[in-house]
């Protein structure tokens, strides 16, 4: 069915908004506030990518509408949800455009390149491996592990002599990134898969018994649920920055911090940098500065390899001890548990390891989803989890943590797999990585241009995808364009902060 408005609950089988909203602890009565515009040509795939993407965005928009209504005074604890919560409308066209936002980005007319030449599938002696070498340090470690130069033909020859399992372990041991291609059944038999499957889609919990959060009022022009809230963004790549980009859209003061010696990919930073400020801070050397920022933060979002920040005293428990009332949101590739709990990972690698690439491929060749849907979907769910945690704090208090993992989102997607092939045929990987900016973007219901806009910035003239998070009276665009990586001071904005008063 194309371009059809309908209530969301029950509008599709398998993974859906009801499951996502339940995992977030949301009131099921609020699902009646959501309608969708379904476009069957959006994000074509065998797996239910369109449905999962719609659910992630819908859950985020509903969490935003719920918190916004509370702060605007139209919804109070103990009252029925009713019309006080703004209506949410999720359009598959907007969702599809946002899920490939990196492909829509233009900087002064220039299209970015999403994947480096060595980030791709390679044949091995007994199958396939997927590598990730977009960052210079990961590229260097990959080549060191293989003992070869960066000539793709020599890399291919080195990989062809080894088993996929050997490559996976050798490259990871060297600090690089490579995973063996697995079928869904092979992944299901892996210990990490079993560990992931036992966890909820969204992990939520208390860190202490801090007093209830007092949410200050906001107006409705537009309705900004996160207005005045301060968010420390310690994330990189796509999923975490998508979450904090969404919180910035909703009014939060988002300050992204990066270590000076680990530059982000420029176009990637631009695409996910809307609404934020970007600063450089060496955490060990600049600890006093970090503690000043933490003392005034409402939310801390982390996306580094599990355990890496804990060693710096930045575990959720340690952060809550120093900043009672904080919400700590954690993101990882494989989950912070199990035999792969300490491993690095990216969307493309999770697709390969979990069987998604086999499900979307053809006989003898792996494929890929039409978008980095694990990254984008998990990013919107992470933002939704933060918003719901803030709403729950206003009733119950307590510092909170929320945790998501790309591998758990992948399991959710695979749970909804159907034996029938979706329209569009084989989705084999014809290029080294995911589709680049020159590859036609999956249909988004009419013209993708309907969901794009432009703005001037310090980086040049930008074309970009609008946010798909939409509710009545809510924001339509970010308040500021992205700036250069690390160009801002490591301090909070100078404007008034009226978002909340966390318990102390």
Protein backbone atom coordinates (compact mmCIF):
# COMPACT_ATOMS: atom_id res chain seq x y z
CA UNK A 1 0.00 0.00 0.00
CA UNK A 2 1.40 3.41 -0.97
CA UNK A 3 0.92 6.81 0.65
CA UNK A 4 -1.66 5.57 3.13
CA UNK A 5 -2.46 7.11 6.51
CA UNK A 6 -3.34 4.58 9.20
CA UNK A 7 -3.05 4.09 12.96
CA UNK A 8 0.27 2.52 13.83
CA UNK A 9 -0.54 -0.25 16.34
CA UNK A 10 -1.05 -3.50 14.47
CA UNK A 11 -0.36 -1.94 11.07
CA UNK A 12 2.36 -4.50 10.33
CA UNK A 13 3.42 -7.92 11.55
CA UNK A 14 6.72 -8.61 13.28
CA UNK A 15 8.89 -5.90 14.84
CA UNK A 16 6.88 -2.76 15.36
CA UNK A 17 6.10 0.35 17.27
CA UNK A 18 4.27 -1.57 19.97
CA UNK A 19 7.38 -3.64 20.73
CA UNK A 20 9.67 -0.61 20.68
CA UNK A 21 7.39 1.47 22.89
CA UNK A 22 6.98 -1.40 25.34
CA UNK A 23 10.76 -1.82 25.60
CA UNK A 24 10.99 1.89 26.41
CA UNK A 25 8.47 1.49 29.24
CA UNK A 26 5.93 3.71 27.53
CA UNK A 27 2.22 3.86 28.32
CA UNK A 28 0.51 1.69 25.65
CA UNK A 29 -2.48 4.05 25.61
CA UNK A 30 -0.27 6.68 23.97
CA UNK A 31 0.14 4.54 20.85
CA UNK A 32 -3.24 5.82 19.74
CA UNK A 33 -1.60 9.22 19.19
CA UNK A 34 0.48 7.83 16.29
CA UNK A 35 -0.48 7.58 12.64
CA UNK A 36 1.75 6.56 9.77
CA UNK A 37 2.03 7.27 6.08
CA UNK A 38 3.07 3.94 4.61
CA UNK A 39 4.98 3.90 1.32
CA UNK A 40 5.70 0.41 0.05
CA UNK A 41 8.58 1.56 -2.16
CA UNK A 42 10.60 3.03 0.72
CA UNK A 43 13.73 1.16 1.88
CA UNK A 44 13.13 -2.01 -0.20
CA UNK A 45 14.60 -5.13 1.37
CA UNK A 46 13.81 -8.76 2.17
CA UNK A 47 13.95 -8.06 5.89
CA UNK A 48 11.35 -5.66 7.39
CA UNK A 49 13.69 -2.66 7.30
CA UNK A 50 10.99 -0.14 6.47
CA UNK A 51 8.81 -1.35 9.34
CA UNK A 52 11.63 -1.35 11.88
CA UNK A 53 12.81 2.09 10.75
CA UNK A 54 9.26 3.41 11.06
CA UNK A 55 8.95 1.93 14.56
CA UNK A 56 12.22 3.46 15.78
CA UNK A 57 11.32 6.92 14.54
CA UNK A 58 7.73 6.60 15.75
CA UNK A 59 8.86 5.63 19.24
CA UNK A 60 11.24 8.58 19.35
CA UNK A 61 8.60 11.04 18.17
CA UNK A 62 6.08 9.69 20.68
CA UNK A 63 8.59 9.96 23.54
CA UNK A 64 9.27 13.54 22.48
CA UNK A 65 5.56 14.38 22.30
CA UNK A 66 4.97 12.82 25.73
CA UNK A 67 7.76 14.80 27.39
CA UNK A 68 6.78 17.97 25.53
CA UNK A 69 3.19 17.72 26.71
CA UNK A 70 4.31 17.33 30.29
CA UNK A 71 6.57 20.37 30.10
CA UNK A 72 3.93 22.45 28.34
CA UNK A 73 1.45 21.66 31.11
CA UNK A 74 -1.05 19.76 28.96
CA UNK A 75 -0.30 16.33 30.42
CA UNK A 76 0.21 15.54 34.08
CA UNK A 77 1.06 12.37 36.00
CA UNK A 78 -2.06 10.44 36.93
CA UNK A 79 -4.19 11.90 34.14
CA UNK A 80 -5.26 9.92 31.07
CA UNK A 81 -2.94 10.56 28.09
CA UNK A 82 -5.82 11.77 25.91
CA UNK A 83 -5.46 14.73 23.60
CA UNK A 84 -2.89 16.45 25.80
CA UNK A 85 -0.05 14.60 24.06
CA UNK A 86 0.50 16.00 20.56
CA UNK A 87 -0.39 13.80 17.62
CA UNK A 88 2.57 12.01 16.02
CA UNK A 89 2.78 11.37 12.28
CA UNK A 90 5.45 9.09 10.84
CA UNK A 91 5.96 9.27 7.08
CA UNK A 92 7.92 6.46 5.45
CA UNK A 93 9.28 8.96 2.94
CA UNK A 94 10.83 11.13 5.63
CA UNK A 95 12.14 8.07 7.45
CA UNK A 96 13.73 6.64 4.30
CA UNK A 97 15.44 9.93 3.49
CA UNK A 98 16.78 10.29 7.04
CA UNK A 99 18.08 6.73 7.16
CA UNK A 100 20.36 7.53 4.22
CA UNK A 101 21.07 11.10 5.31
CA UNK A 102 24.80 10.61 4.69
CA UNK A 103 24.03 9.97 1.01
CA UNK A 104 21.85 13.06 0.67
CA UNK A 105 24.44 15.40 2.16
CA UNK A 106 26.07 17.87 -0.22
CA UNK A 107 28.73 20.36 0.87
CA UNK A 108 28.94 23.18 -1.69
CA UNK A 109 27.61 20.69 -4.21
CA UNK A 110 30.18 18.00 -3.37
CA UNK A 111 28.91 14.55 -2.44
CA UNK A 112 30.80 12.72 0.34
CA UNK A 113 32.35 9.30 -0.02
CA UNK A 114 30.95 7.03 2.67
CA UNK A 115 33.30 4.04 2.59
CA UNK A 116 37.04 3.70 2.03
CA UNK A 117 38.43 1.24 -0.56
CA UNK A 118 39.44 -1.31 2.07
CA UNK A 119 36.03 -1.28 3.79
CA UNK A 120 34.25 -4.10 1.96
CA UNK A 121 33.55 -7.79 1.61
CA UNK A 122 36.46 -10.02 0.60
CA UNK A 123 36.63 -13.67 -0.39
CA UNK A 124 38.59 -15.96 1.90
CA UNK A 125 39.71 -19.55 1.48
CA UNK A 126 36.38 -20.79 2.83
CA UNK A 127 33.92 -17.90 2.58
CA UNK A 128 33.80 -14.14 3.09
CA UNK A 129 34.91 -11.50 5.57
CA UNK A 130 33.78 -7.91 5.99
CA UNK A 131 36.42 -5.33 6.91
CA UNK A 132 36.11 -1.75 8.11
CA UNK A 133 39.00 0.62 7.44
CA UNK A 134 37.45 4.06 7.11
CA UNK A 135 39.60 5.44 9.93
CA UNK A 136 43.38 5.65 9.37
CA UNK A 137 44.22 3.79 12.59
CA UNK A 138 41.88 0.92 11.73
CA UNK A 139 43.30 0.75 8.21
CA UNK A 140 46.85 0.58 9.58
CA UNK A 141 45.94 -2.22 12.00
CA UNK A 142 44.20 -4.22 9.28
CA UNK A 143 47.24 -4.03 7.01
CA UNK A 144 49.59 -4.85 9.88
CA UNK A 145 47.57 -7.95 10.76
CA UNK A 146 47.60 -9.11 7.15
CA UNK A 147 51.24 -8.20 6.58
CA UNK A 148 50.54 -6.48 3.28
CA UNK A 149 50.40 -3.08 1.60
CA UNK A 150 47.22 -1.11 0.94
CA UNK A 151 47.03 -2.33 -2.67
CA UNK A 152 43.53 -3.91 -2.85
CA UNK A 153 44.83 -6.73 -5.04
CA UNK A 154 47.47 -7.64 -2.46
CA UNK A 155 44.93 -7.43 0.35
CA UNK A 156 42.63 -9.72 -1.63
CA UNK A 157 45.47 -12.20 -2.19
CA UNK A 158 46.39 -12.22 1.50
CA UNK A 159 42.79 -12.84 2.55
CA UNK A 160 42.21 -15.55 -0.05
CA UNK A 161 44.88 -17.70 1.60
CA UNK A 162 43.20 -17.71 5.05
CA UNK A 163 39.96 -18.92 6.54
CA UNK A 164 37.34 -16.33 7.47
CA UNK A 165 37.56 -17.30 11.14
CA UNK A 166 41.34 -16.88 11.13
CA UNK A 167 41.07 -13.43 9.56
CA UNK A 168 38.44 -12.40 12.10
CA UNK A 169 40.58 -13.34 15.07
CA UNK A 170 43.91 -12.15 13.65
CA UNK A 171 42.63 -8.72 12.70
CA UNK A 172 40.78 -8.21 15.98
CA UNK A 173 43.88 -9.25 17.91
CA UNK A 174 45.74 -6.46 16.11
CA UNK A 175 43.07 -3.90 17.03
CA UNK A 176 41.54 -3.88 13.55
CA UNK A 177 38.04 -4.67 12.36
CA UNK A 178 37.00 -7.73 10.39
CA UNK A 179 34.22 -10.28 10.85
CA UNK A 180 33.44 -13.54 9.13
CA UNK A 181 30.22 -13.68 7.15
CA UNK A 182 27.68 -15.87 8.93
CA UNK A 183 24.21 -17.12 8.14
CA UNK A 184 21.44 -16.30 10.61
CA UNK A 185 21.62 -19.89 11.89
CA UNK A 186 25.39 -19.72 12.34
CA UNK A 187 25.08 -16.48 14.28
CA UNK A 188 22.28 -17.89 16.41
CA UNK A 189 24.63 -20.67 17.46
CA UNK A 190 27.33 -18.18 18.52
CA UNK A 191 27.69 -17.47 22.24
CA UNK A 192 27.51 -13.71 21.67
CA UNK A 193 24.20 -14.06 19.84
CA UNK A 194 22.74 -16.09 22.69
CA UNK A 195 23.89 -13.48 25.21
CA UNK A 196 22.44 -10.64 23.16
CA UNK A 197 19.13 -12.44 22.68
CA UNK A 198 18.61 -12.65 26.44
CA UNK A 199 18.68 -8.87 26.78
CA UNK A 200 15.76 -6.50 26.13
CA UNK A 201 15.83 -4.27 23.07
CA UNK A 202 16.30 -1.27 25.37
CA UNK A 203 17.97 -1.88 28.74
CA UNK A 204 16.82 0.56 31.40
CA UNK A 205 17.63 0.92 35.06
CA UNK A 206 18.30 3.02 38.16
CA UNK A 207 21.71 4.09 39.38
CA UNK A 208 20.65 5.65 42.70
CA UNK A 209 17.68 7.15 44.51
CA UNK A 210 18.21 10.81 43.62
CA UNK A 211 15.15 13.03 44.13
CA UNK A 212 12.62 13.47 41.36
CA UNK A 213 13.58 15.78 38.51
CA UNK A 214 11.70 19.07 38.38
CA UNK A 215 10.88 19.84 34.76
CA UNK A 216 10.50 23.54 34.09
CA UNK A 217 7.73 24.77 31.76
CA UNK A 218 8.26 25.34 28.05
CA UNK A 219 6.14 27.14 25.50
CA UNK A 220 4.70 25.74 22.27
CA UNK A 221 6.24 27.91 19.56
CA UNK A 222 7.63 25.42 18.73
CA UNK A 223 7.26 22.78 21.40
CA UNK A 224 10.80 21.72 22.38
CA UNK A 225 10.67 18.79 24.83
CA UNK A 226 14.41 18.93 25.59
CA UNK A 227 14.71 22.72 25.83
CA UNK A 228 17.41 23.79 28.26
CA UNK A 229 18.68 20.28 28.96
CA UNK A 230 22.43 19.86 28.70
CA UNK A 231 23.78 16.80 26.91
CA UNK A 232 27.41 15.70 26.93
CA UNK A 233 27.97 13.81 23.68
CA UNK A 234 30.82 11.30 23.94
CA UNK A 235 29.97 9.41 20.76
CA UNK A 236 31.41 8.88 17.29
CA UNK A 237 30.49 7.53 13.86
CA UNK A 238 26.70 7.29 13.24
CA UNK A 239 24.33 5.78 15.83
CA UNK A 240 25.33 7.86 18.86
CA UNK A 241 25.61 11.10 16.89
CA UNK A 242 22.17 10.46 15.33
CA UNK A 243 20.74 10.19 18.85
CA UNK A 244 22.33 13.42 20.04
CA UNK A 245 21.47 15.17 16.76
CA UNK A 246 17.84 14.29 17.52
CA UNK A 247 18.06 15.60 21.09
CA UNK A 248 19.51 18.83 19.66
CA UNK A 249 16.53 19.11 17.29
CA UNK A 250 14.26 18.87 20.33
CA UNK A 251 15.97 21.79 22.06
CA UNK A 252 18.84 20.27 24.06
CA UNK A 253 22.17 22.06 24.41
CA UNK A 254 24.41 19.31 22.98
CA UNK A 255 28.17 19.56 23.37
CA UNK A 256 30.15 16.88 21.57
CA UNK A 257 33.58 16.15 23.00
CA UNK A 258 36.32 14.38 21.02
CA UNK A 259 39.91 13.54 21.91
CA UNK A 260 42.31 15.78 19.95
CA UNK A 261 44.29 12.87 18.55
CA UNK A 262 41.33 10.98 17.08
CA UNK A 263 39.78 13.08 14.30
CA UNK A 264 36.31 12.24 13.05
CA UNK A 265 35.60 11.76 9.35
CA UNK A 266 34.71 15.24 8.14
CA UNK A 267 31.57 14.50 6.11
CA UNK A 268 30.28 12.08 8.72
CA UNK A 269 30.71 14.73 11.39
CA UNK A 270 28.88 17.25 9.23
CA UNK A 271 25.92 14.97 8.57
CA UNK A 272 25.39 14.20 12.25
CA UNK A 273 26.46 17.58 13.63
CA UNK A 274 23.28 19.60 13.13
CA UNK A 275 22.18 21.48 16.22
CA UNK A 276 25.35 20.72 18.19
CA UNK A 277 28.62 22.31 19.19
CA UNK A 278 31.88 20.40 18.80
CA UNK A 279 34.87 20.72 21.12
CA UNK A 280 38.15 18.90 21.70
CA UNK A 281 39.11 17.66 25.14
CA UNK A 282 41.76 15.24 26.28
CA UNK A 283 39.96 13.60 29.18
CA UNK A 284 43.01 12.65 31.29
CA UNK A 285 44.69 16.03 30.85
CA UNK A 286 41.50 18.09 30.89
CA UNK A 287 39.78 16.38 33.78
CA UNK A 288 38.95 19.59 35.64
CA UNK A 289 37.19 20.93 32.55
CA UNK A 290 35.25 17.70 32.14
CA UNK A 291 34.15 17.73 35.77
CA UNK A 292 32.87 21.29 35.37
CA UNK A 293 30.85 20.20 32.34
CA UNK A 294 29.54 17.11 34.11
CA UNK A 295 28.46 19.14 37.14
CA UNK A 296 25.95 21.00 34.94
CA UNK A 297 24.98 18.13 32.61
CA UNK A 298 21.58 16.46 32.57
CA UNK A 299 22.48 13.67 30.15
CA UNK A 300 25.71 11.91 29.18
CA UNK A 301 25.67 9.83 25.99
CA UNK A 302 28.57 7.45 25.35
CA UNK A 303 29.38 5.38 22.28
CA UNK A 304 32.92 4.16 22.77
CA UNK A 305 33.94 0.51 23.06
CA UNK A 306 32.52 -0.96 26.30
CA UNK A 307 34.90 -0.52 29.21
CA UNK A 308 37.09 2.10 27.56
CA UNK A 309 35.49 5.01 29.42
CA UNK A 310 35.09 3.06 32.66
CA UNK A 311 38.86 3.11 33.07
CA UNK A 312 38.67 6.90 33.10
CA UNK A 313 36.10 6.92 35.87
CA UNK A 314 33.20 7.47 33.48
CA UNK A 315 31.10 4.39 34.15
CA UNK A 316 27.40 5.13 34.70
CA UNK A 317 27.77 4.48 38.43
CA UNK A 318 30.77 6.80 38.74
CA UNK A 319 29.04 9.56 36.76
CA UNK A 320 25.91 9.32 38.90
CA UNK A 321 27.97 9.46 42.07
CA UNK A 322 29.46 12.79 40.97
CA UNK A 323 26.30 14.09 39.28
CA UNK A 324 23.18 12.72 41.03
CA UNK A 325 20.14 12.87 38.78
CA UNK A 326 22.07 12.33 35.55
CA UNK A 327 20.80 10.12 32.72
CA UNK A 328 23.58 8.00 31.20
CA UNK A 329 22.89 6.55 27.76
CA UNK A 330 25.28 3.90 26.47
CA UNK A 331 25.65 2.53 22.97
CA UNK A 332 27.77 -0.37 21.72
CA UNK A 333 28.05 -2.58 18.66
CA UNK A 334 27.90 -6.06 20.20
CA UNK A 335 26.60 -5.29 23.70
CA UNK A 336 28.63 -4.68 26.84
CA UNK A 337 28.55 -8.36 27.77
CA UNK A 338 29.42 -11.79 26.41
CA UNK A 339 32.63 -12.90 24.66
CA UNK A 340 32.45 -10.00 22.19
CA UNK A 341 31.46 -7.42 24.79
CA UNK A 342 34.78 -5.58 24.57
CA UNK A 343 35.02 -5.59 20.77
CA UNK A 344 34.76 -2.64 18.45
CA UNK A 345 32.15 -2.77 15.75
CA UNK A 346 30.20 -0.91 13.10
CA UNK A 347 26.84 -1.32 11.38
CA UNK A 348 28.35 -3.04 8.33
CA UNK A 349 30.21 -5.55 10.49
CA UNK A 350 27.13 -6.36 12.55
CA UNK A 351 25.16 -6.93 9.35
CA UNK A 352 27.83 -9.40 8.20
CA UNK A 353 28.19 -11.29 11.48
CA UNK A 354 24.50 -11.65 12.34
CA UNK A 355 23.33 -13.08 9.01
CA UNK A 356 21.70 -9.94 7.67
CA UNK A 357 24.18 -9.76 4.78
CA UNK A 358 23.35 -13.35 3.83
CA UNK A 359 19.61 -12.65 4.07
CA UNK A 360 19.97 -9.65 1.75
CA UNK A 361 22.43 -11.30 -0.66
CA UNK A 362 22.23 -13.72 -3.54
CA UNK A 363 23.60 -17.22 -3.96
CA UNK A 364 27.31 -17.07 -3.30
CA UNK A 365 27.52 -13.33 -2.63
CA UNK A 366 26.66 -11.26 0.46
CA UNK A 367 24.41 -8.23 0.28
CA UNK A 368 23.50 -5.24 2.42
CA UNK A 369 20.51 -3.40 3.78
CA UNK A 370 19.34 -0.38 1.77
CA UNK A 371 20.60 1.87 4.58
CA UNK A 372 22.81 1.69 7.64
CA UNK A 373 19.56 0.89 9.38
CA UNK A 374 21.11 -0.59 12.52
CA UNK A 375 22.97 2.65 13.13
CA UNK A 376 20.10 4.99 12.37
CA UNK A 377 17.40 2.88 14.01
CA UNK A 378 19.41 2.39 17.19
CA UNK A 379 20.20 6.11 17.24
CA UNK A 380 16.52 7.07 17.28
CA UNK A 381 15.77 4.44 19.92
CA UNK A 382 18.61 5.77 22.06
CA UNK A 383 17.20 9.30 21.86
CA UNK A 384 13.76 7.92 22.73
CA UNK A 385 15.20 6.09 25.75
CA UNK A 386 16.76 9.31 27.03
CA UNK A 387 13.48 11.21 26.65
CA UNK A 388 11.53 8.48 28.44
CA UNK A 389 14.10 8.35 31.25
CA UNK A 390 13.70 12.09 31.76
CA UNK A 391 9.92 11.73 31.92
CA UNK A 392 10.16 8.86 34.41
CA UNK A 393 12.56 10.84 36.59
CA UNK A 394 9.93 13.53 37.00
CA UNK A 395 7.66 10.92 38.62
CA UNK A 396 10.06 8.59 40.38
CA UNK A 397 13.46 10.25 40.64
CA UNK A 398 16.71 8.33 40.49
CA UNK A 399 19.75 8.69 38.27
CA UNK A 400 19.10 6.47 35.25
CA UNK A 401 20.94 4.45 32.65
CA UNK A 402 19.77 3.21 29.26
CA UNK A 403 21.74 0.84 27.00
CA UNK A 404 21.36 -0.25 23.41
CA UNK A 405 23.45 -2.38 21.08
CA UNK A 406 23.48 -2.65 17.29
CA UNK A 407 23.55 -6.44 17.58
CA UNK A 408 20.34 -6.39 19.65
CA UNK A 409 18.65 -4.17 17.07
CA UNK A 410 19.84 -6.63 14.42
CA UNK A 411 18.23 -9.49 16.36
CA UNK A 412 14.98 -7.54 16.46
CA UNK A 413 15.13 -7.01 12.70
CA UNK A 414 15.81 -10.69 12.07
CA UNK A 415 12.93 -11.70 14.36
CA UNK A 416 10.59 -10.07 11.86
CA UNK A 417 12.07 -11.83 8.83
CA UNK A 418 9.56 -13.46 6.50
CA UNK A 419 10.32 -16.25 4.04
CA UNK A 420 8.86 -14.29 1.15
CA UNK A 421 11.21 -11.98 -0.72
CA UNK A 422 10.32 -8.32 -0.69
CA UNK A 423 9.96 -6.47 -3.99
CA UNK A 424 13.30 -5.43 -5.40
CA UNK A 425 14.99 -8.80 -5.90
CA UNK A 426 18.53 -9.50 -4.82
CA UNK A 427 20.35 -6.84 -2.84
CA UNK A 428 23.85 -8.03 -3.56
CA UNK A 429 26.83 -5.87 -2.69
CA UNK A 430 28.00 -4.54 -6.05
CA UNK A 431 30.34 -2.00 -4.48
CA UNK A 432 33.08 -2.27 -1.85
CA UNK A 433 30.88 -0.89 0.91
CA UNK A 434 27.35 0.36 1.27
CA UNK A 435 26.02 2.50 -1.53
CA UNK A 436 27.83 5.80 -2.00
CA UNK A 437 26.35 9.21 -2.72
CA UNK A 438 26.40 8.40 -6.44
CA UNK A 439 24.18 5.34 -5.94
CA UNK A 440 20.45 5.97 -6.44
CA UNK A 441 18.82 6.44 -3.06
CA UNK A 442 16.01 3.98 -2.25
CA UNK A 443 12.62 5.37 -3.14
CA UNK A 444 11.08 7.50 -0.44
CA UNK A 445 7.55 7.90 -1.75
CA UNK A 446 7.52 10.55 -4.44
CA UNK A 447 10.70 12.56 -4.75
CA UNK A 448 13.35 12.31 -2.07
CA UNK A 449 13.71 16.07 -2.56
CA UNK A 450 10.46 16.45 -0.60
CA UNK A 451 12.45 15.65 2.54
CA UNK A 452 15.58 17.69 1.80
CA UNK A 453 16.48 21.29 2.48
CA UNK A 454 19.51 23.59 2.36
CA UNK A 455 21.30 26.04 4.61
CA UNK A 456 24.49 28.07 4.75
CA UNK A 457 27.14 27.16 7.31
CA UNK A 458 30.77 27.70 8.19
CA UNK A 459 31.44 24.58 6.14
CA UNK A 460 29.71 25.94 3.03
CA UNK A 461 26.28 25.53 1.51
CA UNK A 462 24.72 22.31 2.84
CA UNK A 463 22.00 20.14 1.41
CA UNK A 464 20.69 17.71 4.00
CA UNK A 465 17.77 15.51 5.02
CA UNK A 466 15.25 16.88 7.47
CA UNK A 467 14.62 14.98 10.68
CA UNK A 468 11.79 12.42 10.42
CA UNK A 469 10.82 13.02 14.07
CA UNK A 470 7.54 14.89 13.75
CA UNK A 471 4.67 15.73 16.11
CA UNK A 472 2.07 18.49 16.20
CA UNK A 473 3.65 21.78 17.21
CA UNK A 474 7.17 20.33 17.25
CA UNK A 475 10.32 21.68 15.59
CA UNK A 476 10.75 21.32 11.83
CA UNK A 477 14.50 21.89 11.65
CA UNK A 478 17.61 22.33 13.77
CA UNK A 479 18.39 25.66 15.36
CA UNK A 480 21.96 25.76 14.02
CA UNK A 481 23.95 24.13 11.23
CA UNK A 482 26.99 21.93 11.94
CA UNK A 483 30.39 23.54 12.27
CA UNK A 484 33.95 22.32 11.84
CA UNK A 485 35.11 19.45 14.02
CA UNK A 486 36.45 20.72 17.35
CA UNK A 487 35.87 24.39 16.56
CA UNK A 488 33.94 25.26 19.72
CA UNK A 489 35.08 25.83 23.29
CA UNK A 490 34.60 23.03 25.81
CA UNK A 491 31.96 24.86 27.80
CA UNK A 492 28.20 25.10 27.94
CA UNK A 493 26.29 27.75 26.03
CA UNK A 494 25.91 31.16 27.61
CA UNK A 495 22.12 31.28 27.24
CA UNK A 496 19.71 30.60 30.13
CA UNK A 497 19.22 26.97 31.06
CA UNK A 498 15.66 26.30 32.22
CA UNK A 499 15.24 22.66 31.31
CA UNK A 500 15.24 20.99 34.69
CA UNK A 501 16.71 20.80 38.13
CA UNK A 502 18.14 17.31 38.66
CA UNK A 503 18.01 15.90 42.14
CA UNK A 504 21.17 16.32 44.15
